[in-house]
Amino acid sequence: MKSITVNNLVKTYGKGKEKILAVDDVSFGVDHGEIFGLIGPDGAGKTSIFRMLTTLLLPNSGSATIEDFDMVKDYKKIRNILGYMPGKFSLYQDLTVEENLKFFASVFNSTIEENYGLIKDIYIQIEPFKTRRAGQLSGGMKQKLALCCALIHKPKVLFLDEPTTGVDPVSRKEFWEMLKRLQTQGITMVVATPYMDEASLCDRIALMQNGKILSIATPENISNSYPDLLFEVKAGRTSEVLKALENFKQKKNAYAFGEFVHLSADQNSKFEIGSIYQFLKNKGFENIEVTAIKANTEDSFIQLLSNENH
């Protein structure tokens, strides 16, 4: 049996012409002890899915079970076995670190001591600040405190809604290391994130856009299923290179990727890498670099989106 099973969830907001379809017939399953990622930009429907699965919102239609409990009928039982870390820091800013932890433990008729084994790794890092008010903590420390509070009752399932948004790269890396250690204790985790580089840290991911799931697989399989030839192009200012390549007839897609332009071409065409080089040279570019590369999750996501839009 799966830890989480989601069947044909639909969620709309508003009425009539104002009606917005936020979650569009979404289905997926999450295995016990898995880190499952919902990956997509703002407005993709990730938070609405989270709010339904954490029993904060009712779906318009569809169903879901968490640890065999029905999302609607058994909402009280579900709340006892899940932890939820919302995207926005939502702890009590005027309470100290320790007061926040004690309060959230008391909500579940528990104590810090009872669950110390699970939170020890994180608690050690925030303990030096236990008398500091939560509102005065750095972004990274707020994040660790929020995670500690979400774990204070030993949940079986942990939902993390964009947990690393607005946090520095070092804290992001530390946070994911903490999640990997938590996974060894058998906790099932569902992580929503707009960061494509975090997708590779999940066991499996669902790529989302406009309330729909475009693809579900391991990050590696999503990258491996990329159907086109892909090239990394550099020849000076990215914006100028991109503008020029828009007129390159053999391209399927071209987009900025950091200091490079990524260009895709049909796998089945008689395509030669030198044709990109020659095209840019004829346009007056110098110091041209063209390299064939393997697609990553972000490339695969962009390719899936372009398929949706055509």
Protein backbone atom coordinates (compact mmCIF):
# COMPACT_ATOMS: atom_id res chain seq x y z
CA MET A 1 0.00 0.00 0.00
CA LYS A 2 1.06 3.58 -0.69
CA SER A 3 1.59 6.12 2.07
CA ILE A 4 -0.41 8.66 0.02
CA THR A 5 -2.88 7.96 -2.79
CA VAL A 6 -4.45 10.84 -4.73
CA ASN A 7 -7.27 10.19 -7.22
CA ASN A 8 -8.59 12.79 -9.69
CA LEU A 9 -8.43 15.78 -7.32
CA VAL A 10 -10.10 18.95 -8.61
CA LYS A 11 -10.14 22.35 -6.88
CA THR A 12 -11.71 25.54 -8.19
CA TYR A 13 -11.96 29.01 -6.66
CA GLY A 14 -14.62 31.63 -7.38
CA LYS A 15 -17.80 31.38 -9.42
CA GLY A 16 -19.01 32.08 -12.93
CA LYS A 17 -16.59 34.06 -15.09
CA GLU A 18 -14.35 34.53 -12.06
CA LYS A 19 -13.93 30.77 -11.65
CA ILE A 20 -10.33 29.57 -11.51
CA LEU A 21 -9.35 25.92 -11.94
CA ALA A 22 -6.43 25.58 -9.52
CA VAL A 23 -6.06 21.78 -9.49
CA ASP A 24 -7.09 19.94 -12.64
CA ASP A 25 -7.81 16.19 -12.22
CA VAL A 26 -4.57 15.35 -10.39
CA SER A 27 -3.64 11.77 -9.47
CA PHE A 28 -0.44 10.36 -7.95
CA GLY A 29 0.84 8.00 -5.27
CA VAL A 30 3.68 8.34 -2.77
CA ASP A 31 5.53 5.32 -1.37
CA HIS A 32 6.31 4.88 2.33
CA GLY A 33 9.55 6.65 3.27
CA GLU A 34 9.81 8.41 -0.10
CA ILE A 35 10.74 12.05 -0.77
CA PHE A 36 8.23 13.08 -3.44
CA GLY A 37 8.54 16.48 -5.11
CA LEU A 38 5.82 18.67 -6.60
CA ILE A 39 7.85 20.85 -8.95
CA GLY A 40 6.48 23.89 -10.73
CA PRO A 41 6.25 27.69 -10.79
CA ASP A 42 3.97 29.84 -8.62
CA GLY A 43 0.35 29.26 -9.59
CA ALA A 44 0.95 25.65 -10.70
CA GLY A 45 -1.43 24.31 -8.02
CA LYS A 46 1.11 22.93 -5.53
CA THR A 47 -0.17 24.78 -2.47
CA SER A 48 -3.82 23.96 -3.23
CA ILE A 49 -2.90 20.26 -3.35
CA PHE A 50 -1.07 20.62 -0.04
CA ARG A 51 -4.02 22.35 1.61
CA MET A 52 -6.38 19.60 0.52
CA LEU A 53 -4.07 16.77 1.60
CA THR A 54 -3.45 18.43 4.98
CA THR A 55 -7.26 18.69 5.46
CA LEU A 56 -7.35 22.50 5.36
CA LEU A 57 -9.40 22.63 2.13
CA LEU A 58 -12.12 20.42 0.71
CA PRO A 59 -11.78 19.33 -2.94
CA ASN A 60 -14.54 19.99 -5.47
CA SER A 61 -14.17 16.38 -6.54
CA GLY A 62 -11.77 13.47 -6.29
CA SER A 63 -10.39 11.66 -3.25
CA ALA A 64 -7.18 10.97 -1.36
CA THR A 65 -5.95 8.75 1.44
CA ILE A 66 -3.01 9.29 3.77
CA GLU A 67 -1.80 6.18 5.57
CA ASP A 68 -5.16 4.57 4.59
CA PHE A 69 -7.18 7.38 6.20
CA ASP A 70 -9.69 9.17 3.98
CA MET A 71 -8.81 12.85 3.52
CA VAL A 72 -12.39 14.03 4.23
CA LYS A 73 -13.94 11.43 6.56
CA ASP A 74 -10.84 10.83 8.71
CA TYR A 75 -9.45 14.38 8.80
CA LYS A 76 -8.95 14.32 12.60
CA LYS A 77 -6.89 11.12 12.44
CA ILE A 78 -4.86 12.50 9.54
CA ARG A 79 -4.01 15.66 11.48
CA ASN A 80 -2.45 13.52 14.22
CA ILE A 81 -0.08 11.73 11.85
CA LEU A 82 1.12 14.52 9.60
CA GLY A 83 3.44 17.48 9.95
CA TYR A 84 3.04 20.62 7.84
CA MET A 85 5.62 23.30 7.16
CA PRO A 86 3.89 26.10 5.21
CA GLY A 87 5.76 28.29 2.74
CA LYS A 88 5.43 31.42 4.86
CA PHE A 89 6.99 31.44 8.34
CA SER A 90 3.90 31.05 10.52
CA LEU A 91 5.21 30.47 14.03
CA TYR A 92 4.62 32.90 16.87
CA GLN A 93 7.13 35.70 16.31
CA ASP A 94 6.84 37.06 19.87
CA LEU A 95 7.47 33.67 21.53
CA THR A 96 10.99 32.38 22.03
CA VAL A 97 12.35 29.35 20.20
CA GLU A 98 11.71 27.14 23.23
CA GLU A 99 8.23 28.56 23.86
CA ASN A 100 7.22 27.82 20.25
CA LEU A 101 8.47 24.24 20.53
CA LYS A 102 6.70 23.67 23.86
CA PHE A 103 3.47 25.15 22.53
CA PHE A 104 3.38 22.95 19.41
CA ALA A 105 4.28 19.87 21.48
CA SER A 106 1.41 20.65 23.88
CA VAL A 107 -1.07 20.85 20.96
CA PHE A 108 -0.36 17.14 20.39
CA ASN A 109 -0.24 16.30 24.12
CA SER A 110 3.47 15.67 23.82
CA THR A 111 6.78 17.17 24.99
CA ILE A 112 10.14 18.06 23.48
CA GLU A 113 11.73 15.30 25.57
CA GLU A 114 9.38 12.59 24.24
CA ASN A 115 10.38 13.30 20.66
CA TYR A 116 13.98 14.35 21.21
CA GLY A 117 15.32 11.38 19.25
CA LEU A 118 13.64 12.54 16.06
CA ILE A 119 14.41 16.26 16.35
CA LYS A 120 17.82 16.00 18.05
CA ASP A 121 19.77 16.69 14.86
CA ILE A 122 17.91 19.99 14.26
CA TYR A 123 17.36 20.92 17.91
CA ILE A 124 21.12 20.95 18.60
CA GLN A 125 21.50 23.68 15.97
CA ILE A 126 18.76 25.94 17.35
CA GLU A 127 19.32 25.27 21.08
CA PRO A 128 21.88 28.12 21.47
CA PHE A 129 19.06 30.50 20.45
CA LYS A 130 16.30 28.95 22.59
CA THR A 131 15.67 32.17 24.55
CA ARG A 132 15.59 34.35 21.42
CA ARG A 133 12.24 35.42 19.98
CA ALA A 134 11.35 33.62 16.77
CA GLY A 135 10.89 36.91 14.91
CA GLN A 136 14.54 37.82 15.56
CA LEU A 137 16.02 34.67 14.02
CA SER A 138 17.81 34.57 10.67
CA GLY A 139 16.02 32.99 7.67
CA GLY A 140 17.95 29.73 8.03
CA MET A 141 17.22 29.46 11.76
CA LYS A 142 13.51 30.24 11.27
CA GLN A 143 13.43 27.41 8.76
CA LYS A 144 15.02 24.96 11.22
CA LEU A 145 12.63 26.02 13.99
CA ALA A 146 9.62 25.57 11.68
CA LEU A 147 10.85 22.10 10.74
CA CYS A 148 11.36 21.21 14.40
CA CYS A 149 7.80 22.33 15.23
CA ALA A 150 6.41 20.28 12.31
CA LEU A 151 8.21 17.18 13.65
CA ILE A 152 7.45 17.69 17.34
CA HIS A 153 4.77 14.94 17.43
CA LYS A 154 6.66 12.30 15.35
CA PRO A 155 4.48 12.52 12.21
CA LYS A 156 4.40 9.66 9.72
CA VAL A 157 4.03 12.07 6.79
CA LEU A 158 5.63 15.50 6.41
CA PHE A 159 4.43 18.17 3.97
CA LEU A 160 6.90 20.96 3.15
CA ASP A 161 5.52 23.81 1.05
CA GLU A 162 8.40 25.68 -0.63
CA PRO A 163 10.53 25.31 2.52
CA THR A 164 13.69 26.93 1.10
CA THR A 165 12.18 30.00 -0.60
CA GLY A 166 14.10 33.14 0.37
CA VAL A 167 16.84 31.22 2.17
CA ASP A 168 20.55 31.50 1.33
CA PRO A 169 22.23 28.68 -0.68
CA VAL A 170 24.18 27.32 2.33
CA SER A 171 21.00 27.03 4.44
CA ARG A 172 19.19 25.40 1.50
CA LYS A 173 21.91 22.77 1.25
CA GLU A 174 21.85 22.15 5.03
CA PHE A 175 18.07 21.87 4.97
CA TRP A 176 18.11 19.15 2.33
CA GLU A 177 20.79 17.28 4.24
CA MET A 178 18.44 17.32 7.26
CA LEU A 179 15.59 15.96 5.12
CA LYS A 180 17.79 13.12 3.86
CA ARG A 181 18.65 12.20 7.47
CA LEU A 182 14.96 12.32 8.43
CA GLN A 183 14.21 9.96 5.56
CA THR A 184 16.37 7.29 7.20
CA GLN A 185 13.85 7.34 10.09
CA GLY A 186 11.06 6.26 7.74
CA ILE A 187 9.17 9.54 7.39
CA THR A 188 7.33 10.03 4.08
CA MET A 189 7.90 13.54 2.71
CA VAL A 190 6.14 15.60 0.06
CA VAL A 191 8.05 18.74 -0.92
CA ALA A 192 6.70 21.52 -3.11
CA THR A 193 9.37 23.71 -4.70
CA PRO A 194 9.82 26.07 -7.66
CA TYR A 195 13.58 25.30 -7.68
CA MET A 196 14.48 22.85 -10.42
CA ASP A 197 17.86 22.03 -8.84
CA GLU A 198 16.02 20.67 -5.78
CA ALA A 199 14.12 18.24 -8.01
CA SER A 200 17.22 16.07 -8.32
CA LEU A 201 17.24 15.63 -4.51
CA CYS A 202 13.81 13.93 -4.53
CA ASP A 203 13.26 10.21 -5.15
CA ARG A 204 10.46 10.97 -7.62
CA ILE A 205 8.96 14.19 -8.92
CA ALA A 206 5.74 15.43 -10.49
CA LEU A 207 6.25 18.35 -12.89
CA MET A 208 3.26 20.72 -12.63
CA GLN A 209 1.87 23.64 -14.59
CA ASN A 210 -1.60 25.28 -14.57
CA GLY A 211 -3.01 22.78 -12.09
CA LYS A 212 -1.99 19.74 -14.15
CA ILE A 213 0.73 17.13 -13.74
CA LEU A 214 2.80 16.97 -16.94
CA SER A 215 5.02 14.05 -15.94
CA ILE A 216 5.82 11.81 -12.94
CA ALA A 217 9.10 9.87 -12.72
CA THR A 218 12.48 9.84 -11.03
CA PRO A 219 14.52 12.99 -11.85
CA GLU A 220 16.95 10.80 -13.80
CA ASN A 221 14.20 9.19 -15.90
CA ILE A 222 12.62 12.56 -16.65
CA SER A 223 16.00 13.83 -17.91
CA ASN A 224 16.65 10.61 -19.85
CA SER A 225 13.28 10.82 -21.60
CA TYR A 226 14.18 14.17 -23.22
CA PRO A 227 13.35 13.51 -26.88
CA ASP A 228 15.51 16.09 -28.69
CA LEU A 229 19.14 16.97 -29.35
CA LEU A 230 20.27 19.69 -26.93
CA PHE A 231 23.11 22.20 -27.21
CA GLU A 232 24.66 24.80 -24.92
CA VAL A 233 25.54 27.95 -26.84
CA LYS A 234 27.68 30.89 -25.75
CA ALA A 235 28.78 33.83 -27.92
CA GLY A 236 28.70 37.01 -25.85
CA ARG A 237 25.55 38.60 -24.44
CA THR A 238 22.91 35.95 -23.88
CA SER A 239 20.01 38.21 -24.94
CA GLU A 240 21.65 38.98 -28.32
CA VAL A 241 22.51 35.32 -28.96
CA LEU A 242 18.95 34.29 -28.10
CA LYS A 243 17.48 36.94 -30.40
CA ALA A 244 19.69 35.76 -33.29
CA LEU A 245 18.89 32.07 -32.73
CA GLU A 246 15.15 32.78 -32.94
CA ASN A 247 15.74 32.90 -36.72
CA PHE A 248 17.74 29.65 -36.81
CA LYS A 249 15.45 27.44 -38.89
CA GLN A 250 16.59 24.07 -37.53
CA LYS A 251 15.84 24.89 -33.89
CA LYS A 252 12.84 23.48 -32.07
CA ASN A 253 13.29 25.69 -29.04
CA ALA A 254 15.81 28.21 -27.67
CA TYR A 255 15.87 29.81 -24.22
CA ALA A 256 18.26 31.57 -21.85
CA PHE A 257 19.93 29.33 -19.29
CA GLY A 258 22.22 31.39 -17.07
CA GLU A 259 25.08 32.70 -19.20
CA PHE A 260 24.20 30.23 -21.98
CA VAL A 261 21.42 29.68 -24.47
CA HIS A 262 20.02 26.16 -24.62
CA LEU A 263 18.93 25.16 -28.11
CA SER A 264 17.03 22.00 -29.00
CA ALA A 265 16.80 20.34 -32.42
CA ASP A 266 14.91 17.34 -33.77
CA GLN A 267 16.61 14.05 -32.89
CA ASN A 268 15.67 12.55 -36.26
CA SER A 269 16.93 15.39 -38.45
CA LYS A 270 20.31 15.30 -40.15
CA PHE A 271 21.52 17.99 -37.78
CA GLU A 272 25.15 19.01 -37.46
CA ILE A 273 26.52 20.98 -34.53
CA GLY A 274 28.62 23.08 -36.94
CA SER A 275 25.49 24.61 -38.44
CA ILE A 276 24.82 26.56 -35.20
CA TYR A 277 28.42 27.77 -35.17
CA GLN A 278 28.27 28.82 -38.85
CA PHE A 279 24.90 30.56 -38.39
CA LEU A 280 26.20 32.70 -35.51
CA LYS A 281 29.47 33.43 -37.32
CA ASN A 282 27.49 34.70 -40.31
CA LYS A 283 25.55 36.95 -37.93
CA GLY A 284 28.83 38.55 -36.79
CA PHE A 285 29.32 36.76 -33.46
CA GLU A 286 32.80 35.87 -32.21
CA ASN A 287 34.19 33.53 -29.51
CA ILE A 288 31.39 31.09 -30.27
CA GLU A 289 31.10 27.97 -28.09
CA VAL A 290 28.63 25.20 -28.97
CA THR A 291 28.51 22.01 -26.90
CA ALA A 292 26.16 19.02 -27.05
CA ILE A 293 24.76 18.43 -23.54
CA LYS A 294 22.47 16.08 -21.62
CA ALA A 295 19.12 17.54 -20.62
CA ASN A 296 18.44 18.23 -16.95
CA THR A 297 15.08 18.47 -15.18
CA GLU A 298 14.60 22.12 -16.14
CA ASP A 299 15.21 21.39 -19.83
CA SER A 300 12.69 18.54 -19.65
CA PHE A 301 10.15 20.82 -17.95
CA ILE A 302 10.55 23.50 -20.64
CA GLN A 303 10.17 20.85 -23.35
CA LEU A 304 6.97 19.52 -21.75
CA LEU A 305 5.58 23.06 -21.48
CA SER A 306 6.28 23.77 -25.15
CA ASN A 307 4.40 20.56 -26.04
CA GLU A 308 1.45 21.72 -23.92
CA ASN A 309 1.38 25.10 -25.65
CA HIS A 310 1.41 23.73 -29.20
